Amino acid sequence: MREDQTFEIARAYDLLPHVVGASWASIWFRVNKIRRPTKEEFREKVVEYFKMLEPLTNAYPQDDIFKEMIDYIKDKHTDEIRRIITGNNSEIEKRYKRYVDYG
C-alpha cells in the first residue's frame, strides 16, 4: 500500500492513543483519587479506553476495494495496543509521568 493511502490513518494513530486513551485514563484516576498508579495500571487503563475506538476499524465498507485499507487499520490498531502495553509509546509514557508528577 502506498504512503499516500495510509498517511491520514497513520497520523490518526499517532494521536488517538494519548488524546483519547491517556486523557480518559487520567480523568478516571483523578476522579477515583488514585494519585500514583503504577505504569502498568496506567497503561492498562489507557488500553481499556483506546479499545473503545475499535469500532472505527470497521468504518469502511467491507468491499474488496477497501480490504487492504481495513487490514492496515486493524493491524495498526493492534500494534498501538502492543506499543502501549510494552511502554513503547513515548506519548503515553509522557502522559503517565505528567499525571504522577502533577496529577
Protein backbone atom coordinates (compact mmCIF):
# COMPACT_ATOMS: atom_id res chain seq x y z
CA MET A 1 0.00 0.00 0.00
CA ARG A 2 1.31 3.44 -0.88
CA GLU A 3 2.13 6.00 1.81
CA ASP A 4 -0.38 8.47 0.38
CA GLN A 5 -3.09 5.88 1.07
CA THR A 6 -2.06 5.29 4.68
CA PHE A 7 -0.81 8.73 5.71
CA GLU A 8 -4.02 10.03 7.32
CA ILE A 9 -4.69 6.78 9.19
CA ALA A 10 -1.11 6.69 10.48
CA ARG A 11 -1.43 10.31 11.69
CA ALA A 12 -4.70 9.48 13.47
CA TYR A 13 -2.99 6.59 15.26
CA ASP A 14 -0.16 8.93 16.25
CA LEU A 15 -2.73 10.95 18.21
CA LEU A 16 -5.57 8.67 19.27
CA PRO A 17 -3.73 6.67 21.95
CA HIS A 18 -2.76 9.69 24.02
CA VAL A 19 -5.51 12.14 23.08
CA VAL A 20 -8.26 9.65 23.84
CA GLY A 21 -6.71 6.77 25.79
CA ALA A 22 -4.40 8.67 28.13
CA SER A 23 -6.76 11.61 28.60
CA TRP A 24 -9.69 9.41 29.61
CA ALA A 25 -7.41 7.25 31.79
CA SER A 26 -6.04 10.32 33.58
CA ILE A 27 -9.55 11.54 34.31
CA TRP A 28 -10.54 8.10 35.60
CA PHE A 29 -7.58 8.00 38.01
CA ARG A 30 -8.17 11.60 39.10
CA VAL A 31 -11.88 11.08 39.83
CA ASN A 32 -11.06 7.89 41.74
CA LYS A 33 -8.39 9.81 43.70
CA ILE A 34 -5.61 7.44 42.63
CA ARG A 35 -2.58 9.71 42.61
CA ARG A 36 0.15 7.17 41.93
CA PRO A 37 -0.97 4.31 39.71
CA THR A 38 1.80 2.04 38.54
CA LYS A 39 2.92 2.36 34.94
CA GLU A 40 1.25 -0.97 34.23
CA GLU A 41 -2.06 0.18 35.77
CA PHE A 42 -1.94 3.38 33.76
CA ARG A 43 -1.12 1.56 30.53
CA GLU A 44 -3.91 -0.96 31.10
CA LYS A 45 -6.43 1.83 31.67
CA VAL A 46 -5.21 3.63 28.53
CA VAL A 47 -5.70 0.42 26.55
CA GLU A 48 -9.16 -0.03 28.06
CA TYR A 49 -10.25 3.37 26.74
CA PHE A 50 -8.33 3.05 23.48
CA LYS A 51 -10.11 -0.24 22.76
CA MET A 52 -13.41 1.66 22.82
CA LEU A 53 -12.29 3.12 19.48
CA GLU A 54 -12.21 -0.34 17.92
CA PRO A 55 -15.50 0.20 16.03
CA LEU A 56 -13.55 2.72 13.92
CA THR A 57 -11.59 -0.21 12.49
CA ASN A 58 -14.84 -1.23 10.78
CA ALA A 59 -15.73 2.22 9.49
CA TYR A 60 -15.17 1.43 5.83
CA PRO A 61 -17.46 -0.82 3.77
CA GLN A 62 -16.46 -4.46 3.63
CA ASP A 63 -15.89 -4.15 -0.12
CA ASP A 64 -12.87 -5.56 -1.93
CA ILE A 65 -11.77 -2.03 -2.77
CA PHE A 66 -11.30 -1.28 0.97
CA LYS A 67 -9.91 -4.68 2.05
CA GLU A 68 -6.26 -3.60 2.06
CA MET A 69 -7.07 -0.41 3.99
CA ILE A 70 -9.22 -2.27 6.52
CA ASP A 71 -6.42 -4.78 7.11
CA TYR A 72 -3.95 -1.90 7.55
CA ILE A 73 -6.21 -0.16 10.09
CA LYS A 74 -6.80 -3.34 12.11
CA ASP A 75 -3.06 -4.09 12.16
CA LYS A 76 -2.28 -0.51 13.18
CA HIS A 77 -4.86 -0.66 15.99
CA THR A 78 -3.43 -3.94 17.31
CA ASP A 79 0.12 -2.62 17.06
CA GLU A 80 -0.75 0.53 19.02
CA ILE A 81 -2.20 -1.59 21.83
CA ARG A 82 1.01 -3.64 21.91
CA ARG A 83 3.11 -0.46 21.98
CA ILE A 84 1.09 0.97 24.88
CA ILE A 85 1.30 -2.22 26.96
CA THR A 86 5.04 -2.63 26.39
CA GLY A 87 5.83 1.01 27.19
CA ASN A 88 6.92 1.75 23.62
CA ASN A 89 4.54 4.63 23.04
CA SER A 90 6.52 7.66 24.19
CA GLU A 91 3.44 9.91 24.35
CA ILE A 92 1.70 7.54 26.79
CA GLU A 93 4.84 7.40 28.91
CA LYS A 94 4.99 11.23 28.97
CA ARG A 95 1.32 11.39 29.99
CA TYR A 96 1.93 8.89 32.78
CA LYS A 97 4.85 10.92 34.13
CA ARG A 98 2.86 14.14 33.88
CA TYR A 99 -0.08 12.58 35.73
CA VAL A 100 2.08 11.17 38.52
CA ASP A 101 4.07 14.40 38.86
CA TYR A 102 1.15 16.84 38.62
CA GLY A 103 -1.99 14.63 38.89
